[in-house]
Amino acid sequence: MQASRKAISPKRTFTETARRAQIVEAAIATIAEVGYRNASFARIAKRAGLSSTGLISYHFTSRDELIQQVVAEVVGAIGRFMAERVARADGAAEALRAYIEGNVEFIGAHRAEMKALLEIFMNGGFVYDNTTEQAVVSPIENILRAGQDSGQFRPFDPMVMATLIQRAVDGLPFLLAAKPSIDLQSYATEVATVFDLATRADR
């Protein structure tokens, strides 16, 4: 069987990397605007200012590959942002608040990206399986276990609590889709307060 072009191609040049990033950015904006099912190569090419869809096909062998790169880009950006926010926290309680407030801040500042991710998820383009769930929830579990070990948090099941926290965060894009004018600062404060009261040790 003939090897694929991508399998034998050399390392991407700076120009190719920049072009891929341009296409991914255009795909995000297009999906957010017209929806997952209507985000054709033609529309994405027009958004990116490309002369033809062939320029997309050169960098991405299929629509599915492009969509997966969109997911990787958005999820990666969230992960980098959150790692930096949590790393600056002093203690588990502060880290938990930073995690919740940081997620809300990112979602609010990247509405197109989150809307695109939601569209992809709702239409089956993003497989959220057990491995993905564990990767998402584990960092929260680590914060919670550290808080229990230090005596900041009361005894509870870290997995259950971490899942509840993540669901409160994951639900925000759905809420924004219905109520785009929601006060995000109040949302972050309320959610952070709820889980502060739910986790902290009795004084």
N, C-alpha and C. Protein backbone atom coordinates (compact mmCIF):
# COMPACT_ATOMS: atom_id res chain seq x y z
N MET A 1 0.85 -1.19 0.00
CA MET A 1 0.00 0.00 0.00
C MET A 1 0.88 1.23 0.00
N GLN A 2 0.52 2.24 -0.79
CA GLN A 2 1.31 3.45 -0.89
C GLN A 2 1.26 4.23 0.42
N ALA A 3 2.41 4.72 0.88
CA ALA A 3 2.44 5.50 2.11
C ALA A 3 1.75 6.83 1.89
N SER A 4 1.09 7.33 2.92
CA SER A 4 0.40 8.61 2.80
C SER A 4 1.41 9.74 2.72
N ARG A 5 0.95 10.88 2.15
CA ARG A 5 1.82 12.03 2.02
C ARG A 5 2.32 12.49 3.37
N LYS A 6 1.43 12.49 4.38
CA LYS A 6 1.82 12.99 5.70
C LYS A 6 2.81 12.06 6.38
N ALA A 7 2.74 10.75 6.08
CA ALA A 7 3.63 9.80 6.73
C ALA A 7 5.07 9.98 6.27
N ILE A 8 5.25 10.46 5.01
CA ILE A 8 6.60 10.58 4.49
C ILE A 8 7.08 12.03 4.41
N SER A 9 6.19 12.96 4.76
CA SER A 9 6.56 14.36 4.66
C SER A 9 7.55 14.72 5.76
N PRO A 10 8.47 15.66 5.48
CA PRO A 10 9.43 16.07 6.49
C PRO A 10 8.76 16.92 7.56
N LYS A 11 9.53 17.31 8.53
CA LYS A 11 9.02 18.16 9.59
C LYS A 11 8.44 19.44 9.01
N ARG A 12 7.32 19.88 9.55
CA ARG A 12 6.65 21.06 9.00
C ARG A 12 7.53 22.30 9.11
N THR A 13 7.45 23.11 8.09
CA THR A 13 8.17 24.38 8.11
C THR A 13 7.39 25.38 8.95
N PHE A 14 8.01 26.51 9.23
CA PHE A 14 7.34 27.57 9.99
C PHE A 14 6.08 28.03 9.25
N THR A 15 6.19 28.14 7.92
CA THR A 15 5.05 28.60 7.12
C THR A 15 3.90 27.59 7.18
N GLU A 16 4.23 26.32 7.09
CA GLU A 16 3.19 25.29 7.16
C GLU A 16 2.52 25.27 8.54
N THR A 17 3.31 25.43 9.57
CA THR A 17 2.76 25.47 10.93
C THR A 17 1.83 26.66 11.10
N ALA A 18 2.25 27.80 10.57
CA ALA A 18 1.43 29.01 10.66
C ALA A 18 0.14 28.85 9.87
N ARG A 19 0.23 28.21 8.70
CA ARG A 19 -0.97 28.00 7.88
C ARG A 19 -1.95 27.06 8.58
N ARG A 20 -1.44 26.00 9.18
CA ARG A 20 -2.31 25.08 9.93
C ARG A 20 -3.01 25.83 11.06
N ALA A 21 -2.27 26.65 11.78
CA ALA A 21 -2.87 27.42 12.87
C ALA A 21 -3.95 28.37 12.35
N GLN A 22 -3.71 28.97 11.19
CA GLN A 22 -4.69 29.87 10.57
C GLN A 22 -5.97 29.11 10.23
N ILE A 23 -5.81 27.90 9.70
CA ILE A 23 -6.97 27.09 9.32
C ILE A 23 -7.75 26.66 10.56
N VAL A 24 -7.04 26.25 11.60
CA VAL A 24 -7.70 25.84 12.84
C VAL A 24 -8.48 27.01 13.44
N GLU A 25 -7.87 28.18 13.45
CA GLU A 25 -8.54 29.38 13.98
C GLU A 25 -9.81 29.68 13.18
N ALA A 26 -9.72 29.56 11.87
CA ALA A 26 -10.89 29.80 11.02
C ALA A 26 -11.96 28.75 11.25
N ALA A 27 -11.54 27.51 11.47
CA ALA A 27 -12.50 26.43 11.74
C ALA A 27 -13.25 26.70 13.04
N ILE A 28 -12.53 27.14 14.05
CA ILE A 28 -13.17 27.45 15.34
C ILE A 28 -14.22 28.53 15.15
N ALA A 29 -13.86 29.62 14.48
CA ALA A 29 -14.79 30.72 14.27
C ALA A 29 -15.99 30.30 13.43
N THR A 30 -15.75 29.46 12.43
CA THR A 30 -16.83 29.01 11.55
C THR A 30 -17.80 28.10 12.29
N ILE A 31 -17.27 27.15 13.04
CA ILE A 31 -18.13 26.25 13.81
C ILE A 31 -18.95 27.03 14.82
N ALA A 32 -18.31 27.99 15.49
CA ALA A 32 -19.02 28.79 16.49
C ALA A 32 -20.14 29.61 15.84
N GLU A 33 -19.92 30.04 14.60
CA GLU A 33 -20.90 30.90 13.92
C GLU A 33 -22.04 30.12 13.27
N VAL A 34 -21.70 29.06 12.53
CA VAL A 34 -22.74 28.38 11.74
C VAL A 34 -23.04 26.96 12.22
N GLY A 35 -22.31 26.48 13.23
CA GLY A 35 -22.57 25.15 13.75
C GLY A 35 -21.65 24.09 13.14
N TYR A 36 -21.55 23.00 13.84
CA TYR A 36 -20.64 21.91 13.44
C TYR A 36 -20.99 21.35 12.07
N ARG A 37 -22.25 21.07 11.85
CA ARG A 37 -22.66 20.40 10.61
C ARG A 37 -22.53 21.31 9.38
N ASN A 38 -22.61 22.61 9.58
CA ASN A 38 -22.55 23.54 8.46
C ASN A 38 -21.15 24.10 8.21
N ALA A 39 -20.20 23.67 9.01
CA ALA A 39 -18.82 24.18 8.87
C ALA A 39 -18.09 23.40 7.80
N SER A 40 -18.37 23.71 6.55
CA SER A 40 -17.74 23.02 5.42
C SER A 40 -16.35 23.58 5.17
N PHE A 41 -15.57 22.83 4.41
CA PHE A 41 -14.24 23.32 4.00
C PHE A 41 -14.37 24.64 3.25
N ALA A 42 -15.42 24.78 2.46
CA ALA A 42 -15.61 26.01 1.68
C ALA A 42 -15.78 27.22 2.60
N ARG A 43 -16.59 27.06 3.63
CA ARG A 43 -16.81 28.16 4.57
C ARG A 43 -15.56 28.45 5.39
N ILE A 44 -14.86 27.40 5.77
CA ILE A 44 -13.64 27.59 6.56
C ILE A 44 -12.57 28.27 5.71
N ALA A 45 -12.46 27.87 4.45
CA ALA A 45 -11.49 28.49 3.55
C ALA A 45 -11.80 29.97 3.35
N LYS A 46 -13.07 30.29 3.20
CA LYS A 46 -13.47 31.69 3.03
C LYS A 46 -13.13 32.49 4.28
N ARG A 47 -13.40 31.93 5.45
CA ARG A 47 -13.10 32.61 6.71
C ARG A 47 -11.60 32.84 6.86
N ALA A 48 -10.81 31.86 6.41
CA ALA A 48 -9.35 31.97 6.53
C ALA A 48 -8.72 32.82 5.43
N GLY A 49 -9.53 33.22 4.44
CA GLY A 49 -9.00 34.01 3.34
C GLY A 49 -8.18 33.20 2.38
N LEU A 50 -8.50 31.91 2.26
CA LEU A 50 -7.76 31.03 1.36
C LEU A 50 -8.41 31.01 -0.02
N SER A 51 -7.62 30.79 -1.04
CA SER A 51 -8.12 30.83 -2.41
C SER A 51 -8.93 29.59 -2.78
N SER A 52 -8.68 28.47 -2.10
CA SER A 52 -9.42 27.24 -2.39
C SER A 52 -9.39 26.30 -1.20
N THR A 53 -10.31 25.32 -1.22
CA THR A 53 -10.35 24.33 -0.15
C THR A 53 -9.17 23.38 -0.25
N GLY A 54 -8.52 23.36 -1.41
CA GLY A 54 -7.36 22.49 -1.58
C GLY A 54 -6.24 22.81 -0.61
N LEU A 55 -6.16 24.08 -0.19
CA LEU A 55 -5.14 24.46 0.77
C LEU A 55 -5.42 23.86 2.15
N ILE A 56 -6.70 23.64 2.45
CA ILE A 56 -7.05 22.95 3.70
C ILE A 56 -6.70 21.47 3.58
N SER A 57 -7.07 20.87 2.44
CA SER A 57 -6.80 19.45 2.23
C SER A 57 -5.31 19.14 2.21
N TYR A 58 -4.50 20.12 1.83
CA TYR A 58 -3.05 19.90 1.83
C TYR A 58 -2.53 19.69 3.25
N HIS A 59 -3.12 20.42 4.20
CA HIS A 59 -2.65 20.36 5.58
C HIS A 59 -3.42 19.36 6.44
N PHE A 60 -4.67 19.06 6.05
CA PHE A 60 -5.50 18.13 6.82
C PHE A 60 -6.13 17.14 5.84
N THR A 61 -5.87 15.86 6.05
CA THR A 61 -6.32 14.85 5.11
C THR A 61 -7.84 14.67 5.10
N SER A 62 -8.51 15.11 6.16
CA SER A 62 -9.95 14.95 6.23
C SER A 62 -10.54 16.01 7.17
N ARG A 63 -11.85 16.14 7.09
CA ARG A 63 -12.55 17.06 8.01
C ARG A 63 -12.37 16.58 9.45
N ASP A 64 -12.40 15.26 9.63
CA ASP A 64 -12.26 14.71 10.97
C ASP A 64 -10.90 15.07 11.57
N GLU A 65 -9.84 15.03 10.75
CA GLU A 65 -8.53 15.39 11.27
C GLU A 65 -8.49 16.85 11.70
N LEU A 66 -9.12 17.71 10.90
CA LEU A 66 -9.18 19.14 11.26
C LEU A 66 -9.96 19.33 12.55
N ILE A 67 -11.08 18.65 12.68
CA ILE A 67 -11.91 18.79 13.89
C ILE A 67 -11.13 18.32 15.11
N GLN A 68 -10.41 17.24 14.99
CA GLN A 68 -9.63 16.74 16.12
C GLN A 68 -8.52 17.72 16.49
N GLN A 69 -7.98 18.42 15.51
CA GLN A 69 -6.97 19.43 15.81
C GLN A 69 -7.59 20.64 16.51
N VAL A 70 -8.81 20.98 16.13
CA VAL A 70 -9.54 22.04 16.82
C VAL A 70 -9.73 21.68 18.29
N VAL A 71 -10.18 20.45 18.53
CA VAL A 71 -10.38 19.99 19.91
C VAL A 71 -9.07 20.03 20.68
N ALA A 72 -8.00 19.53 20.07
CA ALA A 72 -6.69 19.51 20.73
C ALA A 72 -6.22 20.91 21.06
N GLU A 73 -6.46 21.84 20.16
CA GLU A 73 -6.04 23.23 20.36
C GLU A 73 -6.77 23.86 21.54
N VAL A 74 -8.09 23.71 21.57
CA VAL A 74 -8.89 24.33 22.63
C VAL A 74 -8.61 23.67 23.98
N VAL A 75 -8.62 22.34 24.01
CA VAL A 75 -8.36 21.63 25.26
C VAL A 75 -6.95 21.91 25.77
N GLY A 76 -6.00 21.97 24.86
CA GLY A 76 -4.63 22.28 25.24
C GLY A 76 -4.50 23.67 25.84
N ALA A 77 -5.20 24.62 25.24
CA ALA A 77 -5.16 26.00 25.75
C ALA A 77 -5.75 26.07 27.15
N ILE A 78 -6.85 25.36 27.38
CA ILE A 78 -7.45 25.32 28.71
C ILE A 78 -6.46 24.74 29.72
N GLY A 79 -5.83 23.63 29.34
CA GLY A 79 -4.90 22.96 30.25
C GLY A 79 -3.73 23.85 30.62
N ARG A 80 -3.16 24.55 29.63
CA ARG A 80 -2.02 25.43 29.91
C ARG A 80 -2.42 26.59 30.80
N PHE A 81 -3.58 27.16 30.54
CA PHE A 81 -4.07 28.29 31.33
C PHE A 81 -4.30 27.86 32.77
N MET A 82 -4.95 26.70 32.95
CA MET A 82 -5.29 26.25 34.29
C MET A 82 -4.05 25.83 35.08
N ALA A 83 -3.10 25.21 34.41
CA ALA A 83 -1.87 24.80 35.10
C ALA A 83 -1.15 26.01 35.68
N GLU A 84 -1.13 27.09 34.92
CA GLU A 84 -0.47 28.31 35.39
C GLU A 84 -1.22 28.93 36.56
N ARG A 85 -2.55 28.96 36.47
CA ARG A 85 -3.35 29.54 37.55
C ARG A 85 -3.20 28.76 38.84
N VAL A 86 -3.31 27.45 38.76
CA VAL A 86 -3.25 26.61 39.96
C VAL A 86 -1.86 26.61 40.56
N ALA A 87 -0.83 26.68 39.72
CA ALA A 87 0.56 26.66 40.20
C ALA A 87 0.86 27.86 41.09
N ARG A 88 0.15 28.95 40.90
CA ARG A 88 0.40 30.17 41.69
C ARG A 88 -0.32 30.14 43.04
N ALA A 89 -1.18 29.15 43.24
CA ALA A 89 -1.98 29.09 44.48
C ALA A 89 -1.14 28.64 45.66
N ASP A 90 -1.49 29.14 46.82
CA ASP A 90 -0.81 28.78 48.06
C ASP A 90 -1.74 27.91 48.89
N GLY A 91 -1.56 26.61 48.80
CA GLY A 91 -2.40 25.69 49.56
C GLY A 91 -3.55 25.16 48.74
N ALA A 92 -4.15 24.07 49.24
CA ALA A 92 -5.19 23.36 48.50
C ALA A 92 -6.47 24.18 48.35
N ALA A 93 -6.88 24.88 49.40
CA ALA A 93 -8.12 25.67 49.33
C ALA A 93 -8.00 26.75 48.27
N GLU A 94 -6.86 27.41 48.22
CA GLU A 94 -6.64 28.45 47.23
C GLU A 94 -6.53 27.85 45.83
N ALA A 95 -5.92 26.66 45.74
CA ALA A 95 -5.81 25.99 44.45
C ALA A 95 -7.18 25.60 43.91
N LEU A 96 -8.06 25.14 44.79
CA LEU A 96 -9.40 24.76 44.36
C LEU A 96 -10.17 25.97 43.86
N ARG A 97 -10.07 27.08 44.58
CA ARG A 97 -10.73 28.30 44.14
C ARG A 97 -10.14 28.78 42.81
N ALA A 98 -8.81 28.69 42.68
CA ALA A 98 -8.16 29.11 41.44
C ALA A 98 -8.62 28.25 40.27
N TYR A 99 -8.81 26.95 40.53
CA TYR A 99 -9.27 26.05 39.47
C TYR A 99 -10.66 26.45 38.99
N ILE A 100 -11.55 26.68 39.91
CA ILE A 100 -12.93 27.03 39.55
C ILE A 100 -12.99 28.39 38.88
N GLU A 101 -12.40 29.39 39.52
CA GLU A 101 -12.44 30.75 38.97
C GLU A 101 -11.67 30.84 37.66
N GLY A 102 -10.56 30.11 37.55
CA GLY A 102 -9.78 30.13 36.33
C GLY A 102 -10.53 29.54 35.15
N ASN A 103 -11.25 28.45 35.39
CA ASN A 103 -12.05 27.85 34.33
C ASN A 103 -13.12 28.81 33.84
N VAL A 104 -13.80 29.44 34.78
CA VAL A 104 -14.84 30.40 34.41
C VAL A 104 -14.24 31.57 33.63
N GLU A 105 -13.09 32.05 34.08
CA GLU A 105 -12.41 33.15 33.38
C GLU A 105 -12.06 32.75 31.95
N PHE A 106 -11.50 31.55 31.78
CA PHE A 106 -11.12 31.10 30.44
C PHE A 106 -12.34 30.99 29.55
N ILE A 107 -13.39 30.37 30.06
CA ILE A 107 -14.62 30.18 29.27
C ILE A 107 -15.19 31.53 28.84
N GLY A 108 -15.20 32.48 29.76
CA GLY A 108 -15.73 33.80 29.45
C GLY A 108 -14.92 34.55 28.42
N ALA A 109 -13.61 34.35 28.45
CA ALA A 109 -12.72 35.07 27.54
C ALA A 109 -12.55 34.37 26.20
N HIS A 110 -13.01 33.14 26.09
CA HIS A 110 -12.85 32.36 24.86
C HIS A 110 -14.20 31.74 24.46
N ARG A 111 -15.18 32.59 24.28
CA ARG A 111 -16.53 32.10 24.03
C ARG A 111 -16.66 31.39 22.69
N ALA A 112 -15.99 31.89 21.67
CA ALA A 112 -16.07 31.23 20.37
C ALA A 112 -15.47 29.83 20.44
N GLU A 113 -14.31 29.73 21.10
CA GLU A 113 -13.66 28.43 21.23
C GLU A 113 -14.53 27.44 22.00
N MET A 114 -15.15 27.92 23.08
CA MET A 114 -15.98 27.03 23.89
C MET A 114 -17.27 26.66 23.17
N LYS A 115 -17.81 27.62 22.42
CA LYS A 115 -19.02 27.32 21.64
C LYS A 115 -18.71 26.28 20.58
N ALA A 116 -17.55 26.42 19.93
CA ALA A 116 -17.15 25.44 18.91
C ALA A 116 -16.95 24.06 19.54
N LEU A 117 -16.30 24.02 20.70
CA LEU A 117 -16.08 22.75 21.38
C LEU A 117 -17.41 22.11 21.77
N LEU A 118 -18.34 22.92 22.23
CA LEU A 118 -19.67 22.42 22.60
C LEU A 118 -20.38 21.86 21.38
N GLU A 119 -20.30 22.57 20.25
CA GLU A 119 -20.91 22.11 19.01
C GLU A 119 -20.33 20.76 18.58
N ILE A 120 -19.01 20.66 18.67
CA ILE A 120 -18.35 19.41 18.27
C ILE A 120 -18.78 18.27 19.18
N PHE A 121 -18.82 18.54 20.49
CA PHE A 121 -19.21 17.52 21.46
C PHE A 121 -20.65 17.07 21.23
N MET A 122 -21.55 18.02 21.05
CA MET A 122 -22.97 17.70 20.90
C MET A 122 -23.27 16.94 19.61
N ASN A 123 -22.38 17.05 18.63
CA ASN A 123 -22.60 16.37 17.35
C ASN A 123 -21.71 15.14 17.17
N GLY A 124 -21.10 14.69 18.26
CA GLY A 124 -20.35 13.44 18.21
C GLY A 124 -18.95 13.55 17.65
N GLY A 125 -18.45 14.77 17.48
CA GLY A 125 -17.11 14.93 16.93
C GLY A 125 -16.01 14.89 17.98
N PHE A 126 -16.42 14.85 19.24
CA PHE A 126 -15.47 14.80 20.35
C PHE A 126 -15.88 13.65 21.25
N VAL A 127 -15.08 12.60 21.26
CA VAL A 127 -15.40 11.41 22.05
C VAL A 127 -14.91 11.62 23.48
N TYR A 128 -15.86 11.69 24.40
CA TYR A 128 -15.54 11.88 25.81
C TYR A 128 -15.70 10.52 26.50
N ASP A 129 -14.59 9.77 26.59
CA ASP A 129 -14.65 8.43 27.14
C ASP A 129 -14.08 8.39 28.56
N ASN A 130 -13.91 7.18 29.09
CA ASN A 130 -13.41 7.03 30.46
C ASN A 130 -12.02 7.61 30.63
N THR A 131 -11.19 7.46 29.61
CA THR A 131 -9.83 8.00 29.68
C THR A 131 -9.85 9.52 29.75
N THR A 132 -10.70 10.13 28.93
CA THR A 132 -10.83 11.58 28.95
C THR A 132 -11.35 12.06 30.29
N GLU A 133 -12.35 11.36 30.80
CA GLU A 133 -12.94 11.73 32.09
C GLU A 133 -11.89 11.70 33.19
N GLN A 134 -11.08 10.66 33.20
CA GLN A 134 -10.05 10.53 34.23
C GLN A 134 -9.00 11.63 34.11
N ALA A 135 -8.64 11.95 32.89
CA ALA A 135 -7.64 13.00 32.67
C ALA A 135 -8.15 14.36 33.14
N VAL A 136 -9.45 14.60 32.99
CA VAL A 136 -10.03 15.88 33.38
C VAL A 136 -10.20 15.97 34.90
N VAL A 137 -10.68 14.89 35.50
CA VAL A 137 -11.02 14.91 36.93
C VAL A 137 -9.79 14.73 37.83
N SER A 138 -8.78 14.01 37.37
CA SER A 138 -7.62 13.70 38.21
C SER A 138 -6.94 14.92 38.83
N PRO A 139 -6.72 16.02 38.08
CA PRO A 139 -6.08 17.19 38.70
C PRO A 139 -6.87 17.75 39.88
N ILE A 140 -8.20 17.69 39.79
CA ILE A 140 -9.02 18.16 40.91
C ILE A 140 -8.89 17.19 42.08
N GLU A 141 -8.91 15.91 41.79
CA GLU A 141 -8.72 14.91 42.85
C GLU A 141 -7.40 15.15 43.58
N ASN A 142 -6.36 15.47 42.84
CA ASN A 142 -5.06 15.71 43.46
C ASN A 142 -5.11 16.89 44.43
N ILE A 143 -5.81 17.95 44.02
CA ILE A 143 -5.98 19.11 44.90
C ILE A 143 -6.74 18.71 46.16
N LEU A 144 -7.81 17.96 45.97
CA LEU A 144 -8.65 17.57 47.10
C LEU A 144 -7.90 16.65 48.07
N ARG A 145 -7.14 15.70 47.53
CA ARG A 145 -6.38 14.80 48.39
C ARG A 145 -5.29 15.57 49.16
N ALA A 146 -4.67 16.52 48.49
CA ALA A 146 -3.66 17.34 49.17
C ALA A 146 -4.29 18.14 50.30
N GLY A 147 -5.50 18.64 50.07
CA GLY A 147 -6.20 19.38 51.12
C GLY A 147 -6.58 18.51 52.29
N GLN A 148 -6.96 17.28 52.01
CA GLN A 148 -7.27 16.34 53.10
C GLN A 148 -6.02 15.97 53.87
N ASP A 149 -4.93 15.75 53.15
CA ASP A 149 -3.67 15.39 53.81
C ASP A 149 -3.16 16.51 54.71
N SER A 150 -3.41 17.76 54.30
CA SER A 150 -2.93 18.90 55.09
C SER A 150 -3.90 19.32 56.19
N GLY A 151 -5.09 18.72 56.18
CA GLY A 151 -6.09 19.06 57.18
C GLY A 151 -6.97 20.23 56.80
N GLN A 152 -6.79 20.78 55.60
CA GLN A 152 -7.64 21.90 55.16
C GLN A 152 -9.04 21.44 54.79
N PHE A 153 -9.13 20.20 54.27
CA PHE A 153 -10.41 19.68 53.82
C PHE A 153 -10.88 18.55 54.73
N ARG A 154 -12.18 18.43 54.85
CA ARG A 154 -12.80 17.39 55.66
C ARG A 154 -12.70 16.05 54.93
N PRO A 155 -12.99 14.94 55.60
CA PRO A 155 -13.03 13.64 54.93
C PRO A 155 -14.22 13.56 53.96
N PHE A 156 -13.97 13.16 52.76
CA PHE A 156 -15.02 12.90 51.76
C PHE A 156 -14.37 12.08 50.64
N ASP A 157 -15.18 11.59 49.72
CA ASP A 157 -14.66 10.83 48.58
C ASP A 157 -14.14 11.81 47.54
N PRO A 158 -12.82 11.89 47.32
CA PRO A 158 -12.27 12.86 46.38
C PRO A 158 -12.77 12.69 44.95
N MET A 159 -13.01 11.44 44.55
CA MET A 159 -13.49 11.21 43.19
C MET A 159 -14.88 11.79 42.99
N VAL A 160 -15.76 11.56 43.96
CA VAL A 160 -17.12 12.08 43.86
C VAL A 160 -17.11 13.61 43.88
N MET A 161 -16.36 14.20 44.80
CA MET A 161 -16.31 15.65 44.91
C MET A 161 -15.68 16.27 43.65
N ALA A 162 -14.62 15.64 43.14
CA ALA A 162 -13.97 16.15 41.93
C ALA A 162 -14.93 16.12 40.74
N THR A 163 -15.74 15.06 40.66
CA THR A 163 -16.71 14.95 39.57
C THR A 163 -17.76 16.05 39.67
N LEU A 164 -18.23 16.31 40.87
CA LEU A 164 -19.22 17.38 41.07
C LEU A 164 -18.65 18.74 40.67
N ILE A 165 -17.41 18.99 41.06
CA ILE A 165 -16.77 20.26 40.73
C ILE A 165 -16.62 20.40 39.22
N GLN A 166 -16.15 19.34 38.57
CA GLN A 166 -15.96 19.40 37.12
C GLN A 166 -17.27 19.60 36.39
N ARG A 167 -18.34 18.97 36.86
CA ARG A 167 -19.64 19.14 36.21
C ARG A 167 -20.14 20.58 36.36
N ALA A 168 -19.87 21.21 37.48
CA ALA A 168 -20.27 22.60 37.67
C ALA A 168 -19.56 23.51 36.67
N VAL A 169 -18.31 23.17 36.38
CA VAL A 169 -17.53 23.95 35.42
C VAL A 169 -17.96 23.63 33.99
N ASP A 170 -18.11 22.34 33.69
CA ASP A 170 -18.48 21.91 32.34
C ASP A 170 -19.85 22.42 31.93
N GLY A 171 -20.71 22.68 32.90
CA GLY A 171 -22.06 23.13 32.57
C GLY A 171 -22.14 24.58 32.13
N LEU A 172 -21.09 25.35 32.38
CA LEU A 172 -21.14 26.78 32.06
C LEU A 172 -21.32 27.06 30.57
N PRO A 173 -20.62 26.40 29.66
CA PRO A 173 -20.86 26.68 28.24
C PRO A 173 -22.31 26.46 27.82
N PHE A 174 -22.97 25.45 28.38
CA PHE A 174 -24.38 25.21 28.09
C PHE A 174 -25.22 26.39 28.59
N LEU A 175 -24.89 26.88 29.78
CA LEU A 175 -25.62 28.00 30.36
C LEU A 175 -25.41 29.26 29.53
N LEU A 176 -24.17 29.47 29.07
CA LEU A 176 -23.88 30.65 28.26
C LEU A 176 -24.63 30.62 26.93
N ALA A 177 -24.83 29.42 26.38
CA ALA A 177 -25.56 29.29 25.13
C ALA A 177 -27.00 29.77 25.29
N ALA A 178 -27.56 29.54 26.48
CA ALA A 178 -28.94 29.96 26.75
C ALA A 178 -29.01 31.38 27.28
N LYS A 179 -28.01 31.77 28.10
CA LYS A 179 -28.01 33.10 28.72
C LYS A 179 -26.62 33.73 28.55
N PRO A 180 -26.34 34.27 27.38
CA PRO A 180 -24.99 34.81 27.11
C PRO A 180 -24.62 36.01 27.97
N SER A 181 -25.60 36.68 28.58
CA SER A 181 -25.31 37.88 29.37
C SER A 181 -25.13 37.57 30.86
N ILE A 182 -25.04 36.30 31.22
CA ILE A 182 -24.90 35.94 32.63
C ILE A 182 -23.66 36.60 33.24
N ASP A 183 -23.75 36.97 34.49
CA ASP A 183 -22.63 37.58 35.21
C ASP A 183 -21.65 36.47 35.58
N LEU A 184 -20.55 36.39 34.85
CA LEU A 184 -19.59 35.31 35.08
C LEU A 184 -18.84 35.44 36.39
N GLN A 185 -18.61 36.66 36.83
CA GLN A 185 -17.92 36.85 38.10
C GLN A 185 -18.77 36.31 39.24
N SER A 186 -20.06 36.58 39.19
CA SER A 186 -20.97 36.06 40.22
C SER A 186 -21.04 34.55 40.16
N TYR A 187 -21.07 34.01 38.94
CA TYR A 187 -21.11 32.56 38.78
C TYR A 187 -19.88 31.92 39.42
N ALA A 188 -18.71 32.47 39.10
CA ALA A 188 -17.46 31.93 39.64
C ALA A 188 -17.44 32.01 41.16
N THR A 189 -17.87 33.15 41.69
CA THR A 189 -17.87 33.35 43.14
C THR A 189 -18.80 32.37 43.83
N GLU A 190 -20.00 32.20 43.28
CA GLU A 190 -20.97 31.30 43.89
C GLU A 190 -20.51 29.85 43.87
N VAL A 191 -19.99 29.41 42.71
CA VAL A 191 -19.54 28.03 42.61
C VAL A 191 -18.35 27.78 43.53
N ALA A 192 -17.40 28.72 43.55
CA ALA A 192 -16.24 28.57 44.42
C ALA A 192 -16.65 28.55 45.89
N THR A 193 -17.63 29.37 46.26
CA THR A 193 -18.10 29.41 47.65
C THR A 193 -18.80 28.10 48.03
N VAL A 194 -19.61 27.58 47.11
CA VAL A 194 -20.31 26.32 47.37
C VAL A 194 -19.31 25.21 47.69
N PHE A 195 -18.26 25.10 46.89
CA PHE A 195 -17.32 24.01 47.10
C PHE A 195 -16.31 24.30 48.21
N ASP A 196 -16.14 25.55 48.54
CA ASP A 196 -15.35 25.88 49.73
C ASP A 196 -16.08 25.38 50.98
N LEU A 197 -17.38 25.67 51.03
CA LEU A 197 -18.19 25.22 52.18
C LEU A 197 -18.32 23.70 52.20
N ALA A 198 -18.35 23.09 51.01
CA ALA A 198 -18.54 21.64 50.93
C ALA A 198 -17.29 20.85 51.30
N THR A 199 -16.12 21.47 51.16
CA THR A 199 -14.88 20.71 51.35
C THR A 199 -14.11 21.05 52.62
N ARG A 200 -14.25 22.25 53.11
CA ARG A 200 -13.36 22.67 54.19
C ARG A 200 -13.62 21.91 55.50
N ALA A 201 -12.56 21.75 56.24
CA ALA A 201 -12.67 21.06 57.54
C ALA A 201 -13.41 21.93 58.52
N ASP A 202 -14.07 21.30 59.48
CA ASP A 202 -14.77 22.06 60.52
C ASP A 202 -13.76 22.83 61.35
N ARG A 203 -14.07 24.08 61.63
CA ARG A 203 -13.18 24.92 62.43
C ARG A 203 -13.55 24.86 63.89
